Amino acid sequence: MKQNMGSTDKIIRIIVAIIFAALFFTGTVTGTFGYVLLALGGVFVLTSLVSFCPIYAAIGVNTCPRR
């Protein structure tokens, strides 16, 4: 997999994932919607760790700086 995510994009995704987790674990968001947000946060963390987003690859977006 070729990296297609820059550091700013990764930081934003991790912050959003933390917010989603906080909303779920504090009970602010519950039920099915809470689980969906929690899963989405997990996907954000995973894609940030591997620096690859399959949706970006499908639509041709690359936020990774050129080397």
C-alpha atoms as a PDB file:
ATOM      1  CA  MET A   1       0.000   0.000   0.000  1.00  0.00           C
ATOM      2  CA  LYS A   2       1.304   3.384  -0.967  1.00  0.00           C
ATOM      3  CA  GLN A   3       0.856   6.072   1.676  1.00  0.00           C
ATOM      4  CA  ASN A   4      -1.766   8.641   0.752  1.00  0.00           C
ATOM      5  CA  MET A   5      -2.296  10.534   4.032  1.00  0.00           C
ATOM      6  CA  GLY A   6      -0.283  13.473   5.319  1.00  0.00           C
ATOM      7  CA  SER A   7       0.478  14.196   8.959  1.00  0.00           C
ATOM      8  CA  THR A   8      -2.203  16.899   9.281  1.00  0.00           C
ATOM      9  CA  ASP A   9      -4.838  14.494   8.001  1.00  0.00           C
ATOM     10  CA  LYS A  10      -3.686  11.791  10.439  1.00  0.00           C
ATOM     11  CA  ILE A  11      -3.781  14.193  13.409  1.00  0.00           C
ATOM     12  CA  ILE A  12      -7.289  15.368  12.534  1.00  0.00           C
ATOM     13  CA  ARG A  13      -8.526  11.770  12.244  1.00  0.00           C
ATOM     14  CA  ILE A  14      -7.043  10.823  15.626  1.00  0.00           C
ATOM     15  CA  ILE A  15      -8.597  13.878  17.299  1.00  0.00           C
ATOM     16  CA  VAL A  16     -11.997  13.052  15.787  1.00  0.00           C
ATOM     17  CA  ALA A  17     -11.644   9.427  16.934  1.00  0.00           C
ATOM     18  CA  ILE A  18     -10.886  10.595  20.485  1.00  0.00           C
ATOM     19  CA  ILE A  19     -13.963  12.833  20.418  1.00  0.00           C
ATOM     20  CA  PHE A  20     -16.131   9.945  19.181  1.00  0.00           C
ATOM     21  CA  ALA A  21     -14.793   7.658  21.926  1.00  0.00           C
ATOM     22  CA  ALA A  22     -15.357  10.319  24.587  1.00  0.00           C
ATOM     23  CA  LEU A  23     -18.942  10.854  23.437  1.00  0.00           C
ATOM     24  CA  PHE A  24     -19.595   7.120  23.560  1.00  0.00           C
ATOM     25  CA  PHE A  25     -17.906   6.338  26.880  1.00  0.00           C
ATOM     26  CA  THR A  26     -19.437   9.327  28.704  1.00  0.00           C
ATOM     27  CA  GLY A  27     -22.890   8.218  27.611  1.00  0.00           C
ATOM     28  CA  THR A  28     -23.578  11.334  25.556  1.00  0.00           C
ATOM     29  CA  VAL A  29     -24.188   9.202  22.476  1.00  0.00           C
ATOM     30  CA  THR A  30     -25.752   5.791  23.058  1.00  0.00           C
ATOM     31  CA  GLY A  31     -27.392   2.984  21.170  1.00  0.00           C
ATOM     32  CA  THR A  32     -26.749   2.093  17.573  1.00  0.00           C
ATOM     33  CA  PHE A  33     -25.518   5.561  16.690  1.00  0.00           C
ATOM     34  CA  GLY A  34     -22.964   5.362  19.497  1.00  0.00           C
ATOM     35  CA  TYR A  35     -21.630   2.040  18.229  1.00  0.00           C
ATOM     36  CA  VAL A  36     -21.440   3.391  14.687  1.00  0.00           C
ATOM     37  CA  LEU A  37     -19.413   6.397  15.888  1.00  0.00           C
ATOM     38  CA  LEU A  38     -17.151   4.114  17.916  1.00  0.00           C
ATOM     39  CA  ALA A  39     -16.525   1.882  14.884  1.00  0.00           C
ATOM     40  CA  LEU A  40     -15.881   4.902  12.682  1.00  0.00           C
ATOM     41  CA  GLY A  41     -13.391   6.200  15.248  1.00  0.00           C
ATOM     42  CA  GLY A  42     -11.633   2.832  15.165  1.00  0.00           C
ATOM     43  CA  VAL A  43     -11.388   3.023  11.376  1.00  0.00           C
ATOM     44  CA  PHE A  44      -9.962   6.549  11.673  1.00  0.00           C
ATOM     45  CA  VAL A  45      -7.283   5.354  14.101  1.00  0.00           C
ATOM     46  CA  LEU A  46      -6.430   2.339  11.940  1.00  0.00           C
ATOM     47  CA  THR A  47      -6.109   4.378   8.748  1.00  0.00           C
ATOM     48  CA  SER A  48      -3.997   6.940  10.601  1.00  0.00           C
ATOM     49  CA  LEU A  49      -1.610   4.265  11.845  1.00  0.00           C
ATOM     50  CA  VAL A  50      -1.041   2.763   8.393  1.00  0.00           C
ATOM     51  CA  SER A  51      -1.157   6.163   6.577  1.00  0.00           C
ATOM     52  CA  PHE A  52      -3.475   4.736   3.941  1.00  0.00           C
ATOM     53  CA  CYS A  53      -7.134   5.501   3.283  1.00  0.00           C
ATOM     54  CA  PRO A  54      -8.913   3.211   0.794  1.00  0.00           C
ATOM     55  CA  ILE A  55     -11.521   5.873   0.048  1.00  0.00           C
ATOM     56  CA  TYR A  56      -8.770   8.363  -0.833  1.00  0.00           C
ATOM     57  CA  ALA A  57      -7.240   5.759  -3.150  1.00  0.00           C
ATOM     58  CA  ALA A  58     -10.597   5.123  -4.839  1.00  0.00           C
ATOM     59  CA  ILE A  59     -11.235   8.803  -5.575  1.00  0.00           C
ATOM     60  CA  GLY A  60      -7.591   9.714  -6.272  1.00  0.00           C
ATOM     61  CA  VAL A  61      -6.908  11.981  -3.287  1.00  0.00           C
ATOM     62  CA  ASN A  62      -3.396  12.159  -1.845  1.00  0.00           C
ATOM     63  CA  THR A  63      -2.580  14.414   1.141  1.00  0.00           C
ATOM     64  CA  CYS A  64       0.873  12.915   1.657  1.00  0.00           C
ATOM     65  CA  PRO A  65       3.644  15.423   0.840  1.00  0.00           C
ATOM     66  CA  ARG A  66       5.763  14.539  -2.146  1.00  0.00           C
ATOM     67  CA  ARG A  67       9.261  13.215  -1.473  1.00  0.00           C
END
